[in-house]
Amino acid sequence: GAQHLPPAVGRTLSVQTLKLLDGKLLMPSKVAIERQQALRAKFHALRRPEDGTPNSELLFRSSPQLGANAFTMPDGTIVVLDDLITSIADDQQILAVFAHELGHARGRHSLQLLLHSSAVGAFWTFYVGDISALLAAAPTVLVQARYSQDLERQADDYGAALLAHNGMSPALLADALKKLAASHDEASTGGYLSSHPATDERMHHLLLLAASFKAR
């Protein structure tokens, strides 16, 4: 379903959702502009395994409610929150999280989530050209992004391939997840790990990929 939606739909959903979230759940980032620009430059310098460099936009925001988090919009825009940057603190590990998010963007996973979450959404979008049902669901679904393990594994595999393609170890993503788990307050509802279950299985899988990366 998601693959067949015209890109304009993803763009509209993304723009409208950001409009709804900005100033409410999302606040301006407090990360220094120079640091934002440096991370953005490193991100856009990454080479994608399939060719070229990332064409996703990278937006920095802060959110006390959402904590250390990052999520991908239907048009591939990646929103990264201050607490994620400060919790990880290591640029290469932060890039590893961006690489994972690029996997979600490439697979149009957030659109898949939206189509699955609003039963009428898919029907109306295809037959009536009315995306209001999708728009209504978008803020909640995108911010909470409860991906299936299958979609997480796809994003991990893509992230790992992208890291390896750039001479970086896939273990960086496992390290980033470990840091996020350590800084994750059990009492808090949000955070990257509630929307991206950091199961031991994921870490194990990434470390296996890292071992084969080393062996090359």
N, C-alpha and C. Protein backbone atom coordinates (compact mmCIF):
# COMPACT_ATOMS: atom_id res chain seq x y z
N GLY A 1 0.82 -1.19 0.00
CA GLY A 1 0.00 0.00 0.00
C GLY A 1 0.86 1.26 0.00
N ALA A 2 1.79 1.35 0.99
CA ALA A 2 2.58 2.57 1.16
C ALA A 2 3.39 2.90 -0.08
N GLN A 3 3.89 1.83 -0.74
CA GLN A 3 4.76 2.06 -1.90
C GLN A 3 3.99 2.70 -3.06
N HIS A 4 2.68 2.53 -3.07
CA HIS A 4 1.90 3.02 -4.21
C HIS A 4 1.37 4.44 -4.02
N LEU A 5 1.51 4.97 -2.82
CA LEU A 5 1.02 6.33 -2.60
C LEU A 5 1.95 7.33 -3.27
N PRO A 6 1.41 8.33 -3.94
CA PRO A 6 2.27 9.33 -4.58
C PRO A 6 3.07 10.10 -3.54
N PRO A 7 4.31 10.48 -3.86
CA PRO A 7 5.17 11.20 -2.91
C PRO A 7 4.49 12.45 -2.33
N ALA A 8 3.63 13.08 -3.12
CA ALA A 8 2.95 14.30 -2.66
C ALA A 8 2.14 14.04 -1.39
N VAL A 9 1.58 12.84 -1.27
CA VAL A 9 0.79 12.50 -0.08
C VAL A 9 1.70 12.49 1.15
N GLY A 10 2.85 11.85 1.02
CA GLY A 10 3.81 11.80 2.12
C GLY A 10 4.26 13.20 2.53
N ARG A 11 4.47 14.04 1.51
CA ARG A 11 4.92 15.41 1.78
C ARG A 11 3.84 16.20 2.54
N THR A 12 2.61 16.12 2.06
CA THR A 12 1.50 16.81 2.71
C THR A 12 1.34 16.35 4.16
N LEU A 13 1.35 15.03 4.36
CA LEU A 13 1.21 14.48 5.71
C LEU A 13 2.31 15.01 6.62
N SER A 14 3.54 15.07 6.10
CA SER A 14 4.68 15.49 6.90
C SER A 14 4.58 16.96 7.29
N VAL A 15 4.29 17.80 6.31
CA VAL A 15 4.20 19.24 6.55
C VAL A 15 3.09 19.54 7.57
N GLN A 16 1.90 18.93 7.35
CA GLN A 16 0.76 19.19 8.23
C GLN A 16 1.01 18.66 9.65
N THR A 17 1.64 17.49 9.74
CA THR A 17 1.91 16.89 11.05
C THR A 17 2.89 17.75 11.84
N LEU A 18 3.94 18.24 11.16
CA LEU A 18 4.91 19.11 11.84
C LEU A 18 4.24 20.40 12.31
N LYS A 19 3.32 20.91 11.49
CA LYS A 19 2.58 22.13 11.89
C LYS A 19 1.80 21.88 13.18
N LEU A 20 1.20 20.69 13.28
CA LEU A 20 0.42 20.36 14.48
C LEU A 20 1.30 20.16 15.71
N LEU A 21 2.50 19.58 15.50
CA LEU A 21 3.37 19.23 16.63
C LEU A 21 4.24 20.39 17.10
N ASP A 22 4.69 21.23 16.16
CA ASP A 22 5.58 22.33 16.54
C ASP A 22 4.88 23.32 17.47
N GLY A 23 5.58 23.64 18.55
CA GLY A 23 5.03 24.57 19.53
C GLY A 23 4.15 23.88 20.57
N LYS A 24 3.87 22.59 20.36
CA LYS A 24 3.08 21.83 21.33
C LYS A 24 3.94 20.71 21.92
N LEU A 25 4.09 19.64 21.15
CA LEU A 25 4.91 18.52 21.62
C LEU A 25 6.38 18.74 21.26
N LEU A 26 6.61 19.44 20.16
CA LEU A 26 7.98 19.71 19.71
C LEU A 26 8.32 21.18 19.91
N MET A 27 9.47 21.41 20.53
CA MET A 27 9.96 22.77 20.77
C MET A 27 11.27 22.97 20.01
N PRO A 28 11.68 24.24 19.86
CA PRO A 28 12.97 24.47 19.16
C PRO A 28 14.12 23.77 19.90
N SER A 29 15.06 23.27 19.13
CA SER A 29 16.22 22.58 19.70
C SER A 29 17.10 23.56 20.46
N LYS A 30 17.72 23.08 21.56
CA LYS A 30 18.67 23.90 22.30
C LYS A 30 20.11 23.50 21.95
N VAL A 31 20.24 22.52 21.05
CA VAL A 31 21.58 22.13 20.60
C VAL A 31 22.17 23.29 19.79
N ALA A 32 23.44 23.62 20.07
CA ALA A 32 24.09 24.75 19.40
C ALA A 32 23.99 24.61 17.89
N ILE A 33 23.72 25.72 17.21
CA ILE A 33 23.56 25.72 15.75
C ILE A 33 24.78 25.09 15.06
N GLU A 34 25.98 25.38 15.56
CA GLU A 34 27.21 24.82 14.95
C GLU A 34 27.19 23.30 15.02
N ARG A 35 26.75 22.78 16.17
CA ARG A 35 26.70 21.32 16.36
C ARG A 35 25.65 20.72 15.42
N GLN A 36 24.51 21.38 15.30
CA GLN A 36 23.47 20.92 14.36
C GLN A 36 24.03 20.88 12.94
N GLN A 37 24.71 21.95 12.56
CA GLN A 37 25.25 22.02 11.19
C GLN A 37 26.31 20.95 10.96
N ALA A 38 27.13 20.70 11.98
CA ALA A 38 28.17 19.68 11.85
C ALA A 38 27.55 18.29 11.66
N LEU A 39 26.54 17.98 12.47
CA LEU A 39 25.87 16.68 12.35
C LEU A 39 25.16 16.56 11.01
N ARG A 40 24.54 17.65 10.58
CA ARG A 40 23.83 17.65 9.30
C ARG A 40 24.82 17.40 8.15
N ALA A 41 25.97 18.06 8.23
CA ALA A 41 27.00 17.90 7.19
C ALA A 41 27.50 16.46 7.13
N LYS A 42 27.74 15.86 8.31
CA LYS A 42 28.21 14.46 8.35
C LYS A 42 27.14 13.52 7.80
N PHE A 43 25.89 13.82 8.14
CA PHE A 43 24.77 13.01 7.68
C PHE A 43 24.66 13.06 6.15
N HIS A 44 24.71 14.26 5.60
CA HIS A 44 24.54 14.39 4.15
C HIS A 44 25.78 13.96 3.36
N ALA A 45 26.89 13.73 4.07
CA ALA A 45 28.10 13.23 3.40
C ALA A 45 28.13 11.70 3.33
N LEU A 46 27.22 11.05 4.04
CA LEU A 46 27.17 9.58 4.01
C LEU A 46 26.85 9.11 2.60
N ARG A 47 27.48 8.02 2.19
CA ARG A 47 27.15 7.42 0.90
C ARG A 47 26.14 6.30 1.14
N ARG A 48 25.07 6.31 0.37
CA ARG A 48 24.08 5.24 0.50
C ARG A 48 24.54 4.01 -0.26
N PRO A 49 24.26 2.81 0.26
CA PRO A 49 24.69 1.59 -0.43
C PRO A 49 24.15 1.52 -1.85
N GLU A 50 22.93 2.05 -2.05
CA GLU A 50 22.31 1.93 -3.38
C GLU A 50 22.79 3.02 -4.33
N ASP A 51 23.41 4.08 -3.79
CA ASP A 51 23.94 5.16 -4.64
C ASP A 51 23.59 6.52 -4.06
N GLY A 52 24.47 7.46 -4.25
CA GLY A 52 24.19 8.84 -3.84
C GLY A 52 24.25 9.05 -2.34
N THR A 53 23.76 10.19 -1.91
CA THR A 53 23.79 10.56 -0.49
C THR A 53 22.35 10.73 0.01
N PRO A 54 22.15 10.75 1.33
CA PRO A 54 20.78 10.86 1.86
C PRO A 54 20.09 12.13 1.36
N ASN A 55 18.85 11.99 0.91
CA ASN A 55 18.10 13.18 0.51
C ASN A 55 17.02 13.51 1.53
N SER A 56 17.07 12.83 2.68
CA SER A 56 16.15 13.14 3.77
C SER A 56 16.58 14.44 4.45
N GLU A 57 15.60 15.23 4.85
CA GLU A 57 15.91 16.43 5.62
C GLU A 57 16.09 16.01 7.08
N LEU A 58 17.00 16.68 7.79
CA LEU A 58 17.26 16.38 9.20
C LEU A 58 16.83 17.59 10.02
N LEU A 59 15.84 17.39 10.90
CA LEU A 59 15.33 18.50 11.72
C LEU A 59 15.66 18.24 13.18
N PHE A 60 16.10 19.29 13.88
CA PHE A 60 16.41 19.18 15.31
C PHE A 60 15.31 19.86 16.11
N ARG A 61 14.81 19.14 17.12
CA ARG A 61 13.78 19.67 18.01
C ARG A 61 14.08 19.20 19.44
N SER A 62 13.36 19.79 20.40
CA SER A 62 13.45 19.25 21.76
C SER A 62 12.03 18.92 22.22
N SER A 63 11.92 18.00 23.19
CA SER A 63 10.61 17.63 23.70
C SER A 63 10.77 16.93 25.04
N PRO A 64 10.38 17.62 26.13
CA PRO A 64 10.46 16.96 27.45
C PRO A 64 9.62 15.69 27.48
N GLN A 65 8.46 15.72 26.82
CA GLN A 65 7.57 14.55 26.87
C GLN A 65 8.12 13.35 26.10
N LEU A 66 8.79 13.61 24.99
CA LEU A 66 9.23 12.49 24.14
C LEU A 66 10.65 12.04 24.45
N GLY A 67 11.37 12.82 25.26
CA GLY A 67 12.69 12.40 25.71
C GLY A 67 13.69 12.16 24.60
N ALA A 68 14.53 11.14 24.81
CA ALA A 68 15.58 10.81 23.85
C ALA A 68 14.95 10.04 22.69
N ASN A 69 14.68 10.73 21.60
CA ASN A 69 13.95 10.07 20.53
C ASN A 69 14.32 10.63 19.17
N ALA A 70 14.00 9.86 18.15
CA ALA A 70 14.12 10.30 16.76
C ALA A 70 13.03 9.58 16.01
N PHE A 71 12.43 10.24 15.04
CA PHE A 71 11.41 9.54 14.24
C PHE A 71 11.41 10.08 12.83
N THR A 72 10.84 9.28 11.94
CA THR A 72 10.87 9.59 10.52
C THR A 72 9.46 9.90 10.02
N MET A 73 9.35 11.01 9.28
CA MET A 73 8.08 11.43 8.72
C MET A 73 7.80 10.67 7.41
N PRO A 74 6.55 10.70 6.94
CA PRO A 74 6.21 9.96 5.71
C PRO A 74 7.00 10.39 4.48
N ASP A 75 7.53 11.61 4.45
CA ASP A 75 8.32 12.02 3.28
C ASP A 75 9.80 11.75 3.47
N GLY A 76 10.15 11.05 4.58
CA GLY A 76 11.56 10.72 4.81
C GLY A 76 12.30 11.71 5.69
N THR A 77 11.64 12.81 6.04
CA THR A 77 12.26 13.78 6.96
C THR A 77 12.52 13.10 8.31
N ILE A 78 13.72 13.28 8.84
CA ILE A 78 14.07 12.68 10.14
C ILE A 78 14.08 13.79 11.19
N VAL A 79 13.29 13.58 12.23
CA VAL A 79 13.25 14.54 13.35
C VAL A 79 14.04 13.93 14.51
N VAL A 80 15.07 14.64 14.97
CA VAL A 80 15.89 14.13 16.08
C VAL A 80 15.77 15.09 17.26
N LEU A 81 15.57 14.51 18.44
CA LEU A 81 15.36 15.31 19.64
C LEU A 81 16.64 15.48 20.45
N ASP A 82 16.74 16.64 21.12
CA ASP A 82 17.95 16.99 21.87
C ASP A 82 18.43 15.90 22.82
N ASP A 83 17.48 15.28 23.55
CA ASP A 83 17.88 14.30 24.55
C ASP A 83 18.58 13.10 23.93
N LEU A 84 18.24 12.78 22.69
CA LEU A 84 18.93 11.67 22.01
C LEU A 84 20.38 12.06 21.74
N ILE A 85 20.59 13.31 21.29
CA ILE A 85 21.94 13.79 21.01
C ILE A 85 22.79 13.78 22.29
N THR A 86 22.20 14.29 23.39
CA THR A 86 22.98 14.38 24.63
C THR A 86 23.16 13.00 25.28
N SER A 87 22.18 12.11 25.15
CA SER A 87 22.31 10.77 25.74
C SER A 87 23.40 9.96 25.06
N ILE A 88 23.53 10.12 23.75
CA ILE A 88 24.51 9.33 23.01
C ILE A 88 25.86 10.04 22.99
N ALA A 89 25.83 11.34 22.69
CA ALA A 89 27.02 12.22 22.75
C ALA A 89 28.13 11.92 21.75
N ASP A 90 28.15 10.72 21.17
CA ASP A 90 29.20 10.34 20.22
C ASP A 90 28.67 10.50 18.79
N ASP A 91 29.36 11.32 17.99
CA ASP A 91 28.85 11.63 16.65
C ASP A 91 28.64 10.40 15.77
N GLN A 92 29.58 9.46 15.82
CA GLN A 92 29.44 8.27 14.95
C GLN A 92 28.25 7.42 15.37
N GLN A 93 28.03 7.33 16.68
CA GLN A 93 26.87 6.56 17.16
C GLN A 93 25.56 7.27 16.82
N ILE A 94 25.58 8.61 16.88
CA ILE A 94 24.38 9.38 16.49
C ILE A 94 24.11 9.15 15.00
N LEU A 95 25.17 9.16 14.19
CA LEU A 95 25.01 8.89 12.75
C LEU A 95 24.44 7.49 12.52
N ALA A 96 24.80 6.54 13.40
CA ALA A 96 24.29 5.18 13.27
C ALA A 96 22.77 5.17 13.47
N VAL A 97 22.28 5.99 14.41
CA VAL A 97 20.83 6.09 14.62
C VAL A 97 20.18 6.72 13.38
N PHE A 98 20.83 7.75 12.81
CA PHE A 98 20.31 8.36 11.59
C PHE A 98 20.27 7.33 10.46
N ALA A 99 21.29 6.47 10.39
CA ALA A 99 21.34 5.44 9.35
C ALA A 99 20.16 4.48 9.49
N HIS A 100 19.84 4.12 10.74
CA HIS A 100 18.68 3.26 11.00
C HIS A 100 17.39 3.97 10.56
N GLU A 101 17.27 5.26 10.89
CA GLU A 101 16.08 6.02 10.49
C GLU A 101 15.97 6.11 8.97
N LEU A 102 17.11 6.22 8.30
CA LEU A 102 17.09 6.22 6.83
C LEU A 102 16.51 4.92 6.29
N GLY A 103 16.74 3.83 7.02
CA GLY A 103 16.15 2.55 6.64
C GLY A 103 14.63 2.61 6.70
N HIS A 104 14.11 3.26 7.76
CA HIS A 104 12.66 3.45 7.86
C HIS A 104 12.16 4.34 6.71
N ALA A 105 12.92 5.40 6.41
CA ALA A 105 12.52 6.33 5.35
C ALA A 105 12.49 5.62 4.01
N ARG A 106 13.52 4.84 3.74
CA ARG A 106 13.64 4.17 2.45
C ARG A 106 12.52 3.15 2.24
N GLY A 107 12.14 2.46 3.32
CA GLY A 107 11.07 1.46 3.23
C GLY A 107 9.68 2.06 3.36
N ARG A 108 9.63 3.40 3.51
CA ARG A 108 8.36 4.12 3.72
C ARG A 108 7.56 3.48 4.86
N HIS A 109 8.29 3.14 5.92
CA HIS A 109 7.68 2.43 7.05
C HIS A 109 6.65 3.28 7.79
N SER A 110 6.88 4.60 7.88
CA SER A 110 5.91 5.41 8.63
C SER A 110 4.58 5.47 7.89
N LEU A 111 4.63 5.47 6.57
CA LEU A 111 3.37 5.42 5.80
C LEU A 111 2.67 4.08 6.00
N GLN A 112 3.47 3.01 6.05
CA GLN A 112 2.87 1.69 6.30
C GLN A 112 2.16 1.68 7.64
N LEU A 113 2.82 2.25 8.67
CA LEU A 113 2.21 2.32 10.00
C LEU A 113 0.89 3.07 9.95
N LEU A 114 0.91 4.21 9.23
CA LEU A 114 -0.29 5.03 9.14
C LEU A 114 -1.42 4.30 8.45
N LEU A 115 -1.10 3.63 7.36
CA LEU A 115 -2.14 2.92 6.61
C LEU A 115 -2.72 1.79 7.44
N HIS A 116 -1.86 1.14 8.25
CA HIS A 116 -2.34 0.03 9.07
C HIS A 116 -3.11 0.54 10.28
N SER A 117 -2.77 1.75 10.72
CA SER A 117 -3.37 2.21 11.97
C SER A 117 -4.77 2.78 11.75
N SER A 118 -5.01 3.31 10.57
CA SER A 118 -6.36 3.85 10.35
C SER A 118 -7.03 3.04 9.26
N ALA A 119 -7.92 2.18 9.68
CA ALA A 119 -8.54 1.22 8.77
C ALA A 119 -9.18 1.90 7.57
N VAL A 120 -9.87 3.00 7.82
CA VAL A 120 -10.52 3.67 6.69
C VAL A 120 -9.52 4.44 5.87
N GLY A 121 -8.40 4.80 6.50
CA GLY A 121 -7.42 5.65 5.82
C GLY A 121 -7.03 5.16 4.46
N ALA A 122 -6.64 3.89 4.40
CA ALA A 122 -6.15 3.34 3.14
C ALA A 122 -7.24 3.38 2.07
N PHE A 123 -8.43 2.96 2.46
CA PHE A 123 -9.53 2.92 1.50
C PHE A 123 -9.82 4.32 0.94
N TRP A 124 -9.99 5.29 1.85
CA TRP A 124 -10.34 6.64 1.41
C TRP A 124 -9.24 7.28 0.60
N THR A 125 -8.01 7.05 1.01
CA THR A 125 -6.90 7.66 0.31
C THR A 125 -6.87 7.20 -1.15
N PHE A 126 -7.06 5.90 -1.33
CA PHE A 126 -6.97 5.36 -2.69
C PHE A 126 -8.17 5.73 -3.55
N TYR A 127 -9.34 5.71 -2.95
CA TYR A 127 -10.53 5.81 -3.80
C TYR A 127 -11.15 7.21 -3.84
N VAL A 128 -10.91 7.99 -2.80
CA VAL A 128 -11.54 9.30 -2.75
C VAL A 128 -10.51 10.42 -2.85
N GLY A 129 -9.25 10.06 -2.61
CA GLY A 129 -8.20 11.07 -2.65
C GLY A 129 -8.28 11.99 -1.44
N ASP A 130 -8.95 11.53 -0.38
CA ASP A 130 -9.09 12.33 0.83
C ASP A 130 -8.18 11.77 1.90
N ILE A 131 -7.19 12.56 2.33
CA ILE A 131 -6.23 12.01 3.30
C ILE A 131 -6.52 12.48 4.73
N SER A 132 -7.75 12.99 4.96
CA SER A 132 -8.03 13.53 6.29
C SER A 132 -7.95 12.47 7.39
N ALA A 133 -8.35 11.24 7.08
CA ALA A 133 -8.27 10.18 8.10
C ALA A 133 -6.81 9.90 8.46
N LEU A 134 -5.95 9.90 7.44
CA LEU A 134 -4.52 9.70 7.69
C LEU A 134 -3.95 10.86 8.49
N LEU A 135 -4.36 12.08 8.12
CA LEU A 135 -3.87 13.27 8.81
C LEU A 135 -4.26 13.26 10.28
N ALA A 136 -5.47 12.82 10.56
CA ALA A 136 -5.96 12.80 11.94
C ALA A 136 -5.12 11.85 12.79
N ALA A 137 -4.72 10.73 12.20
CA ALA A 137 -3.97 9.73 12.95
C ALA A 137 -2.47 10.04 13.02
N ALA A 138 -1.99 10.84 12.06
CA ALA A 138 -0.55 11.00 11.85
C ALA A 138 0.26 11.42 13.09
N PRO A 139 -0.11 12.50 13.80
CA PRO A 139 0.75 12.94 14.91
C PRO A 139 1.01 11.84 15.93
N THR A 140 -0.06 11.15 16.35
CA THR A 140 0.10 10.10 17.36
C THR A 140 0.91 8.94 16.82
N VAL A 141 0.54 8.47 15.64
CA VAL A 141 1.18 7.29 15.07
C VAL A 141 2.67 7.53 14.80
N LEU A 142 3.00 8.70 14.23
CA LEU A 142 4.38 8.95 13.83
C LEU A 142 5.30 9.15 15.03
N VAL A 143 4.79 9.85 16.05
CA VAL A 143 5.61 10.12 17.22
C VAL A 143 5.82 8.85 18.04
N GLN A 144 4.79 7.99 18.09
CA GLN A 144 4.92 6.76 18.88
C GLN A 144 5.49 5.61 18.07
N ALA A 145 5.46 5.76 16.77
CA ALA A 145 6.03 4.79 15.82
C ALA A 145 6.28 3.40 16.40
N ARG A 146 5.23 2.64 16.59
CA ARG A 146 5.41 1.28 17.11
C ARG A 146 5.65 0.34 15.93
N TYR A 147 6.90 0.24 15.54
CA TYR A 147 7.23 -0.61 14.40
C TYR A 147 7.21 -2.08 14.79
N SER A 148 6.84 -2.92 13.84
CA SER A 148 6.92 -4.36 14.07
C SER A 148 8.40 -4.74 14.10
N GLN A 149 8.68 -5.91 14.66
CA GLN A 149 10.07 -6.36 14.72
C GLN A 149 10.63 -6.55 13.31
N ASP A 150 9.75 -6.93 12.40
CA ASP A 150 10.17 -7.13 11.01
C ASP A 150 10.66 -5.82 10.40
N LEU A 151 9.89 -4.73 10.61
CA LEU A 151 10.30 -3.43 10.07
C LEU A 151 11.55 -2.92 10.78
N GLU A 152 11.66 -3.18 12.08
CA GLU A 152 12.86 -2.77 12.82
C GLU A 152 14.10 -3.49 12.26
N ARG A 153 13.92 -4.78 12.00
CA ARG A 153 15.05 -5.57 11.47
C ARG A 153 15.46 -5.04 10.10
N GLN A 154 14.47 -4.69 9.27
CA GLN A 154 14.79 -4.12 7.95
C GLN A 154 15.58 -2.82 8.09
N ALA A 155 15.14 -1.97 9.02
CA ALA A 155 15.83 -0.68 9.23
C ALA A 155 17.23 -0.90 9.82
N ASP A 156 17.36 -1.87 10.72
CA ASP A 156 18.67 -2.21 11.28
C ASP A 156 19.61 -2.71 10.18
N ASP A 157 19.09 -3.59 9.33
CA ASP A 157 19.92 -4.17 8.26
C ASP A 157 20.37 -3.09 7.28
N TYR A 158 19.45 -2.18 6.95
CA TYR A 158 19.82 -1.10 6.04
C TYR A 158 20.84 -0.17 6.72
N GLY A 159 20.57 0.17 7.98
CA GLY A 159 21.49 1.02 8.73
C GLY A 159 22.88 0.41 8.80
N ALA A 160 22.93 -0.89 9.07
CA ALA A 160 24.22 -1.60 9.16
C ALA A 160 24.93 -1.60 7.82
N ALA A 161 24.17 -1.82 6.73
CA ALA A 161 24.77 -1.82 5.39
C ALA A 161 25.31 -0.44 5.05
N LEU A 162 24.57 0.60 5.43
CA LEU A 162 25.00 1.96 5.15
C LEU A 162 26.27 2.29 5.94
N LEU A 163 26.30 1.91 7.20
CA LEU A 163 27.50 2.15 8.02
C LEU A 163 28.71 1.45 7.41
N ALA A 164 28.55 0.16 7.09
CA ALA A 164 29.65 -0.61 6.51
C ALA A 164 30.12 0.02 5.20
N HIS A 165 29.18 0.49 4.40
CA HIS A 165 29.48 1.12 3.12
C HIS A 165 30.35 2.38 3.31
N ASN A 166 30.24 2.99 4.50
CA ASN A 166 31.00 4.19 4.81
C ASN A 166 32.20 3.90 5.71
N GLY A 167 32.56 2.61 5.79
CA GLY A 167 33.73 2.22 6.57
C GLY A 167 33.52 2.31 8.08
N MET A 168 32.26 2.30 8.49
CA MET A 168 31.94 2.37 9.92
C MET A 168 31.32 1.04 10.36
N SER A 169 31.59 0.65 11.60
CA SER A 169 31.09 -0.64 12.07
C SER A 169 29.61 -0.59 12.45
N PRO A 170 28.85 -1.62 12.04
CA PRO A 170 27.45 -1.71 12.47
C PRO A 170 27.30 -1.78 14.00
N ALA A 171 28.41 -2.09 14.71
CA ALA A 171 28.36 -2.13 16.18
C ALA A 171 28.03 -0.75 16.75
N LEU A 172 28.27 0.31 15.96
CA LEU A 172 27.96 1.67 16.43
C LEU A 172 26.48 1.82 16.77
N LEU A 173 25.63 1.15 16.00
CA LEU A 173 24.19 1.24 16.27
C LEU A 173 23.85 0.49 17.56
N ALA A 174 24.49 -0.67 17.76
CA ALA A 174 24.28 -1.42 19.00
C ALA A 174 24.76 -0.59 20.20
N ASP A 175 25.89 0.09 20.04
CA ASP A 175 26.43 0.94 21.12
C ASP A 175 25.46 2.07 21.45
N ALA A 176 24.91 2.68 20.39
CA ALA A 176 23.96 3.78 20.59
C ALA A 176 22.72 3.28 21.34
N LEU A 177 22.21 2.11 20.96
CA LEU A 177 21.03 1.54 21.61
C LEU A 177 21.33 1.24 23.08
N LYS A 178 22.56 0.75 23.34
CA LYS A 178 22.98 0.44 24.70
C LYS A 178 22.96 1.71 25.57
N LYS A 179 23.49 2.80 25.00
CA LYS A 179 23.51 4.08 25.74
C LYS A 179 22.09 4.57 26.00
N LEU A 180 21.23 4.44 25.00
CA LEU A 180 19.85 4.88 25.17
C LEU A 180 19.13 4.04 26.23
N ALA A 181 19.46 2.75 26.26
CA ALA A 181 18.85 1.86 27.27
C ALA A 181 19.33 2.27 28.66
N ALA A 182 20.61 2.63 28.79
CA ALA A 182 21.18 3.00 30.08
C ALA A 182 20.58 4.32 30.59
N SER A 183 20.31 5.24 29.65
CA SER A 183 19.80 6.55 30.06
C SER A 183 18.28 6.55 30.15
N HIS A 184 17.68 5.42 29.79
CA HIS A 184 16.22 5.33 29.72
C HIS A 184 15.64 5.17 31.12
N ASP A 185 14.83 6.13 31.50
CA ASP A 185 14.18 6.10 32.80
C ASP A 185 12.93 5.23 32.69
N GLU A 186 12.88 4.20 33.53
CA GLU A 186 11.75 3.25 33.46
C GLU A 186 10.41 3.97 33.62
N ALA A 187 10.40 5.03 34.40
CA ALA A 187 9.15 5.73 34.69
C ALA A 187 8.64 6.49 33.47
N SER A 188 9.56 6.86 32.58
CA SER A 188 9.12 7.69 31.45
C SER A 188 8.44 6.83 30.40
N THR A 189 7.41 7.37 29.80
CA THR A 189 6.65 6.59 28.83
C THR A 189 7.28 6.68 27.45
N GLY A 190 7.90 7.84 27.16
CA GLY A 190 8.43 8.05 25.81
C GLY A 190 9.81 7.47 25.65
N GLY A 191 10.56 8.07 24.74
CA GLY A 191 11.93 7.63 24.52
C GLY A 191 12.05 6.70 23.34
N TYR A 192 13.23 6.67 22.82
CA TYR A 192 13.51 5.94 21.59
C TYR A 192 13.18 4.46 21.73
N LEU A 193 13.43 3.92 22.93
CA LEU A 193 13.29 2.47 23.07
C LEU A 193 11.84 2.02 23.19
N SER A 194 10.94 2.94 23.57
CA SER A 194 9.54 2.51 23.63
C SER A 194 8.98 2.41 22.21
N SER A 195 9.53 3.24 21.30
CA SER A 195 9.05 3.15 19.92
C SER A 195 9.95 2.25 19.07
N HIS A 196 11.18 2.03 19.54
CA HIS A 196 12.11 1.13 18.85
C HIS A 196 12.57 0.09 19.86
N PRO A 197 11.81 -0.99 20.01
CA PRO A 197 12.16 -1.95 21.07
C PRO A 197 13.60 -2.43 20.92
N ALA A 198 14.44 -2.09 21.90
CA ALA A 198 15.86 -2.48 21.80
C ALA A 198 16.04 -3.82 22.47
N THR A 199 15.53 -4.82 21.83
CA THR A 199 15.64 -6.14 22.40
C THR A 199 17.08 -6.61 22.31
N ASP A 200 17.44 -7.53 23.19
CA ASP A 200 18.79 -8.12 23.15
C ASP A 200 19.01 -8.75 21.78
N GLU A 201 17.93 -9.24 21.21
CA GLU A 201 18.02 -9.89 19.90
C GLU A 201 18.54 -8.91 18.84
N ARG A 202 18.05 -7.66 18.90
CA ARG A 202 18.50 -6.65 17.94
C ARG A 202 20.00 -6.37 18.11
N MET A 203 20.41 -6.21 19.38
CA MET A 203 21.83 -5.95 19.67
C MET A 203 22.68 -7.11 19.14
N HIS A 204 22.23 -8.30 19.45
CA HIS A 204 22.96 -9.50 19.05
C HIS A 204 23.11 -9.55 17.52
N HIS A 205 22.02 -9.28 16.84
CA HIS A 205 22.02 -9.28 15.37
C HIS A 205 23.01 -8.24 14.83
N LEU A 206 23.00 -7.05 15.41
CA LEU A 206 23.91 -5.99 14.96
C LEU A 206 25.36 -6.35 15.22
N LEU A 207 25.62 -7.00 16.36
CA LEU A 207 27.00 -7.38 16.67
C LEU A 207 27.49 -8.49 15.74
N LEU A 208 26.57 -9.37 15.33
CA LEU A 208 26.92 -10.38 14.32
C LEU A 208 27.30 -9.71 13.00
N LEU A 209 26.48 -8.72 12.61
CA LEU A 209 26.78 -7.97 11.37
C LEU A 209 28.13 -7.25 11.51
N ALA A 210 28.41 -6.74 12.71
CA ALA A 210 29.67 -6.04 12.96
C ALA A 210 30.85 -7.00 12.85
N ALA A 211 30.65 -8.23 13.33
CA ALA A 211 31.73 -9.23 13.26
C ALA A 211 32.06 -9.57 11.82
N SER A 212 31.02 -9.68 10.98
CA SER A 212 31.29 -9.99 9.57
C SER A 212 31.90 -8.78 8.87
N PHE A 213 31.58 -7.57 9.36
CA PHE A 213 32.18 -6.34 8.82
C PHE A 213 33.69 -6.34 9.10
N LYS A 214 34.06 -6.71 10.35
CA LYS A 214 35.47 -6.76 10.75
C LYS A 214 36.24 -7.79 9.92
N ALA A 215 35.55 -8.89 9.63
CA ALA A 215 36.23 -10.02 8.98
C ALA A 215 36.58 -9.74 7.52
N ARG A 216 36.00 -8.66 6.96
CA ARG A 216 36.21 -8.42 5.53
C ARG A 216 37.63 -7.92 5.24
